[in-house]
Amino acid sequence: MNSVEMEITGAMRSSGITPPDHIIFDGRIHRFGRKKSSWCVFFDGQVKAGAFGDFKLGFTEKFIESRQTLTPMDRKRIGKAMRDAAAQGERELKARYEQGARKCAAIWEETGDE
């Protein structure tokens, strides 16, 4: 595990999350932990950055590699990537809620409660 990965896992542990076995820098949301309620998204580049959180605990933390100085272009790129990832996370959460609502409606219909 390299120093950036150690920094990320340390930040996760400080927030009460058990980190995943591997940190992947691909700009995609990865779910892990008990019942997959924890998530992370990290971006590769000259400066590694991303975010992590837990749906059940209801928090999100941003992460930027501490040993790097960010240029304005880095800040812009990282900001856009994080906004895109947050939007994707919101879409996934909304889809989970909608799936749960459909399941509840189907169960309600099966009960035949009139």
Foldseek 3Di string as FASTA:
>chain_A
DDPQVVVVCVVCVVVVHRDDPDDDADLAWDFDDDVSQKIWYWHDDPKIWTKIDGNVVPDIDTDTRPVDDDDPVNVVVRVVSHVVRVVVVVVVVVVVVVVVVVVVVVVVVVVVDD
